[in-house]
N, C-alpha and C. Protein backbone atom coordinates (compact mmCIF):
# COMPACT_ATOMS: atom_id res chain seq x y z
N MET A 1 -10.27 66.82 -44.94
CA MET A 1 -11.04 65.64 -44.62
C MET A 1 -11.44 65.69 -43.13
N ALA A 2 -12.65 65.33 -42.85
CA ALA A 2 -13.17 65.36 -41.49
C ALA A 2 -12.54 64.25 -40.65
N THR A 3 -12.37 64.52 -39.38
CA THR A 3 -11.87 63.50 -38.47
C THR A 3 -12.99 62.50 -38.17
N ALA A 4 -12.61 61.37 -37.58
CA ALA A 4 -13.61 60.36 -37.22
C ALA A 4 -14.64 60.95 -36.26
N PHE A 5 -14.18 61.75 -35.31
CA PHE A 5 -15.10 62.36 -34.34
C PHE A 5 -16.07 63.31 -35.04
N GLU A 6 -15.58 64.11 -35.98
CA GLU A 6 -16.45 65.04 -36.71
C GLU A 6 -17.48 64.28 -37.55
N ARG A 7 -17.06 63.17 -38.14
CA ARG A 7 -18.02 62.36 -38.92
C ARG A 7 -19.09 61.77 -38.01
N GLU A 8 -18.70 61.33 -36.82
CA GLU A 8 -19.68 60.78 -35.89
C GLU A 8 -20.68 61.85 -35.45
N LEU A 9 -20.21 63.05 -35.22
CA LEU A 9 -21.13 64.14 -34.87
C LEU A 9 -22.09 64.46 -36.01
N ALA A 10 -21.66 64.19 -37.25
CA ALA A 10 -22.50 64.44 -38.42
C ALA A 10 -23.44 63.27 -38.71
N GLY A 11 -23.44 62.23 -37.87
CA GLY A 11 -24.36 61.11 -38.05
C GLY A 11 -23.73 59.86 -38.63
N TYR A 12 -22.45 59.91 -38.91
CA TYR A 12 -21.77 58.72 -39.45
C TYR A 12 -21.42 57.77 -38.32
N SER A 13 -21.36 56.49 -38.63
CA SER A 13 -20.92 55.49 -37.67
C SER A 13 -19.99 54.52 -38.37
N LEU A 14 -19.14 53.87 -37.59
CA LEU A 14 -18.25 52.89 -38.18
C LEU A 14 -19.09 51.72 -38.68
N THR A 15 -18.95 51.42 -39.95
CA THR A 15 -19.76 50.39 -40.60
C THR A 15 -18.84 49.32 -41.16
N THR A 16 -19.21 48.07 -40.94
CA THR A 16 -18.45 46.93 -41.45
C THR A 16 -19.37 46.09 -42.31
N ALA A 17 -18.88 45.70 -43.47
CA ALA A 17 -19.66 44.85 -44.37
C ALA A 17 -18.83 43.63 -44.73
N GLU A 18 -19.42 42.46 -44.55
CA GLU A 18 -18.81 41.23 -45.05
C GLU A 18 -19.43 40.97 -46.42
N ILE A 19 -18.61 41.00 -47.43
CA ILE A 19 -19.07 40.84 -48.81
C ILE A 19 -18.67 39.45 -49.28
N LEU A 20 -19.66 38.65 -49.63
CA LEU A 20 -19.39 37.34 -50.22
C LEU A 20 -19.56 37.46 -51.72
N TYR A 21 -18.57 36.97 -52.45
CA TYR A 21 -18.62 37.05 -53.91
C TYR A 21 -18.10 35.75 -54.51
N ARG A 22 -18.47 35.54 -55.76
CA ARG A 22 -18.07 34.32 -56.47
C ARG A 22 -16.74 34.55 -57.18
N LEU A 23 -15.87 33.58 -57.09
CA LEU A 23 -14.60 33.67 -57.82
C LEU A 23 -14.89 33.59 -59.31
N PRO A 24 -14.32 34.47 -60.12
CA PRO A 24 -14.61 34.48 -61.56
C PRO A 24 -14.31 33.15 -62.26
N ASP A 25 -13.18 32.53 -61.92
CA ASP A 25 -12.80 31.27 -62.57
C ASP A 25 -13.47 30.04 -61.96
N HIS A 26 -14.02 30.18 -60.77
CA HIS A 26 -14.68 29.07 -60.06
C HIS A 26 -15.94 29.60 -59.39
N PRO A 27 -17.00 29.85 -60.14
CA PRO A 27 -18.21 30.49 -59.59
C PRO A 27 -18.92 29.71 -58.49
N ALA A 28 -18.60 28.44 -58.31
CA ALA A 28 -19.21 27.67 -57.23
C ALA A 28 -18.54 27.96 -55.89
N ILE A 29 -17.41 28.66 -55.92
CA ILE A 29 -16.67 28.97 -54.69
C ILE A 29 -16.93 30.42 -54.29
N LEU A 30 -17.28 30.60 -53.01
CA LEU A 30 -17.49 31.94 -52.47
C LEU A 30 -16.24 32.40 -51.73
N GLN A 31 -15.91 33.65 -51.93
CA GLN A 31 -14.79 34.29 -51.23
C GLN A 31 -15.36 35.41 -50.37
N SER A 32 -14.70 35.69 -49.27
CA SER A 32 -15.17 36.74 -48.36
C SER A 32 -14.23 37.94 -48.43
N TYR A 33 -14.82 39.14 -48.40
CA TYR A 33 -14.07 40.39 -48.36
C TYR A 33 -14.70 41.26 -47.28
N VAL A 34 -13.87 41.82 -46.40
CA VAL A 34 -14.39 42.68 -45.33
C VAL A 34 -14.07 44.13 -45.67
N TRP A 35 -15.12 44.96 -45.69
CA TRP A 35 -15.03 46.39 -45.99
C TRP A 35 -15.40 47.15 -44.73
N GLN A 36 -14.68 48.24 -44.45
CA GLN A 36 -15.02 49.04 -43.28
C GLN A 36 -14.76 50.51 -43.58
N ASP A 37 -15.72 51.36 -43.19
CA ASP A 37 -15.59 52.81 -43.38
C ASP A 37 -16.66 53.48 -42.53
N TYR A 38 -16.61 54.79 -42.44
CA TYR A 38 -17.67 55.53 -41.77
C TYR A 38 -18.79 55.77 -42.77
N ASP A 39 -20.03 55.49 -42.35
CA ASP A 39 -21.18 55.60 -43.24
C ASP A 39 -22.40 56.01 -42.43
N VAL A 40 -23.50 56.32 -43.13
CA VAL A 40 -24.73 56.77 -42.48
C VAL A 40 -25.82 55.72 -42.68
N ALA A 41 -26.30 55.16 -41.55
CA ALA A 41 -27.38 54.18 -41.60
C ALA A 41 -28.70 54.92 -41.69
N PRO A 42 -29.73 54.40 -42.29
CA PRO A 42 -29.81 53.09 -42.93
C PRO A 42 -29.55 53.12 -44.44
N GLU A 43 -29.24 54.29 -44.99
CA GLU A 43 -29.04 54.39 -46.44
C GLU A 43 -27.69 53.85 -46.87
N PHE A 44 -26.66 54.01 -46.05
CA PHE A 44 -25.29 53.56 -46.33
C PHE A 44 -24.79 54.04 -47.70
N PRO A 45 -24.76 55.35 -47.93
CA PRO A 45 -24.33 55.86 -49.24
C PRO A 45 -22.88 55.54 -49.59
N VAL A 46 -21.99 55.49 -48.60
CA VAL A 46 -20.58 55.17 -48.87
C VAL A 46 -20.46 53.71 -49.31
N LEU A 47 -21.13 52.81 -48.61
CA LEU A 47 -21.13 51.40 -48.99
C LEU A 47 -21.77 51.21 -50.35
N GLU A 48 -22.90 51.87 -50.60
CA GLU A 48 -23.57 51.76 -51.90
C GLU A 48 -22.65 52.19 -53.03
N SER A 49 -21.89 53.25 -52.80
CA SER A 49 -20.93 53.72 -53.80
C SER A 49 -19.85 52.68 -54.05
N PHE A 50 -19.35 52.07 -52.97
CA PHE A 50 -18.35 51.02 -53.12
C PHE A 50 -18.91 49.82 -53.87
N LEU A 51 -20.14 49.42 -53.55
CA LEU A 51 -20.74 48.27 -54.24
C LEU A 51 -21.01 48.57 -55.71
N SER A 52 -21.34 49.81 -56.03
CA SER A 52 -21.50 50.20 -57.44
C SER A 52 -20.17 50.08 -58.17
N PHE A 53 -19.10 50.55 -57.52
CA PHE A 53 -17.76 50.39 -58.09
C PHE A 53 -17.46 48.91 -58.31
N TRP A 54 -17.76 48.08 -57.30
CA TRP A 54 -17.50 46.64 -57.39
C TRP A 54 -18.22 46.04 -58.61
N ARG A 55 -19.50 46.33 -58.74
CA ARG A 55 -20.28 45.76 -59.86
C ARG A 55 -19.73 46.19 -61.22
N ARG A 56 -19.21 47.41 -61.28
CA ARG A 56 -18.68 47.97 -62.53
C ARG A 56 -17.28 47.46 -62.85
N GLU A 57 -16.42 47.33 -61.84
CA GLU A 57 -15.00 47.12 -62.07
C GLU A 57 -14.43 45.75 -61.68
N ILE A 58 -15.11 45.05 -60.79
CA ILE A 58 -14.57 43.78 -60.27
C ILE A 58 -15.28 42.61 -60.95
N GLU A 59 -14.52 41.60 -61.32
CA GLU A 59 -15.10 40.46 -62.03
C GLU A 59 -15.91 39.53 -61.13
N GLY A 60 -15.60 39.48 -59.85
CA GLY A 60 -16.31 38.57 -58.95
C GLY A 60 -17.73 39.04 -58.70
N LYS A 61 -18.70 38.24 -59.09
CA LYS A 61 -20.10 38.58 -58.93
C LYS A 61 -20.50 38.53 -57.45
N LEU A 62 -21.20 39.57 -56.99
CA LEU A 62 -21.63 39.62 -55.59
C LEU A 62 -22.65 38.53 -55.28
N HIS A 63 -22.47 37.89 -54.16
CA HIS A 63 -23.43 36.88 -53.69
C HIS A 63 -24.31 37.48 -52.59
N SER A 64 -23.67 38.09 -51.56
CA SER A 64 -24.43 38.69 -50.47
C SER A 64 -23.55 39.69 -49.72
N VAL A 65 -24.22 40.58 -48.99
CA VAL A 65 -23.53 41.59 -48.19
C VAL A 65 -24.20 41.64 -46.83
N ASN A 66 -23.43 41.41 -45.78
CA ASN A 66 -23.92 41.49 -44.40
C ASN A 66 -23.31 42.74 -43.77
N VAL A 67 -24.17 43.62 -43.26
CA VAL A 67 -23.73 44.91 -42.75
C VAL A 67 -23.98 44.99 -41.25
N SER A 68 -23.00 45.52 -40.54
CA SER A 68 -23.19 45.83 -39.12
C SER A 68 -22.60 47.21 -38.86
N TYR A 69 -23.22 47.91 -37.91
CA TYR A 69 -22.74 49.24 -37.57
C TYR A 69 -23.13 49.55 -36.13
N ARG A 70 -22.43 50.50 -35.58
CA ARG A 70 -22.75 50.93 -34.23
C ARG A 70 -22.41 52.39 -34.09
N ARG A 71 -23.40 53.14 -33.70
CA ARG A 71 -23.16 54.56 -33.44
C ARG A 71 -22.53 54.69 -32.07
N LYS A 72 -21.38 55.30 -32.03
CA LYS A 72 -20.72 55.53 -30.75
C LYS A 72 -21.35 56.71 -30.04
N LEU A 73 -21.73 57.71 -30.82
CA LEU A 73 -22.37 58.89 -30.25
C LEU A 73 -23.84 58.86 -30.61
N ALA A 74 -24.69 58.99 -29.62
CA ALA A 74 -26.14 59.01 -29.85
C ALA A 74 -26.72 60.16 -29.06
N ALA A 75 -27.96 60.47 -29.35
CA ALA A 75 -28.61 61.61 -28.71
C ALA A 75 -28.55 61.52 -27.19
N GLY A 76 -28.75 60.34 -26.65
CA GLY A 76 -28.74 60.17 -25.21
C GLY A 76 -27.36 59.97 -24.61
N ALA A 77 -26.34 59.98 -25.45
CA ALA A 77 -24.99 59.70 -24.97
C ALA A 77 -24.36 60.90 -24.25
N TRP A 78 -24.84 62.07 -24.52
CA TRP A 78 -24.29 63.28 -23.90
C TRP A 78 -25.27 63.81 -22.87
N ARG A 79 -24.77 64.08 -21.68
CA ARG A 79 -25.60 64.65 -20.63
C ARG A 79 -24.86 65.79 -19.98
N THR A 80 -25.62 66.77 -19.54
CA THR A 80 -25.04 67.86 -18.78
C THR A 80 -25.10 67.48 -17.32
N VAL A 81 -23.97 67.57 -16.67
CA VAL A 81 -23.90 67.23 -15.26
C VAL A 81 -23.47 68.48 -14.50
N GLN A 82 -24.24 68.83 -13.49
CA GLN A 82 -23.90 69.99 -12.66
C GLN A 82 -23.31 69.47 -11.35
N PHE A 83 -22.27 70.11 -10.94
CA PHE A 83 -21.68 69.73 -9.67
C PHE A 83 -21.20 70.99 -8.96
N GLN A 84 -21.05 70.87 -7.67
CA GLN A 84 -20.58 72.00 -6.87
C GLN A 84 -19.16 71.71 -6.42
N HIS A 85 -18.37 72.76 -6.43
CA HIS A 85 -17.01 72.63 -5.93
C HIS A 85 -17.06 72.58 -4.40
N VAL A 86 -16.41 71.64 -3.86
CA VAL A 86 -16.36 71.54 -2.41
C VAL A 86 -15.07 72.21 -1.94
N HIS A 87 -15.20 73.18 -1.03
CA HIS A 87 -14.02 73.92 -0.53
C HIS A 87 -13.55 73.36 0.75
């Protein structure tokens, strides 16, 4: 399994989703579930896979999903710096 750093170099970023769903026995009540994993924006294939699992296996019907993510490593985040040794 890749480390978090290796996933970030491959374009993954830490992604958090707040999932609101209806309680099966009380559909008028919304419950919140927080999901977090490394995923690739904007497609979010890992989250999509989890939501497919949810729709198939979990009784609570999805109401909404709010997603936030932040890439720690970006193209402009790395710079080459030259310096001279002072003797």
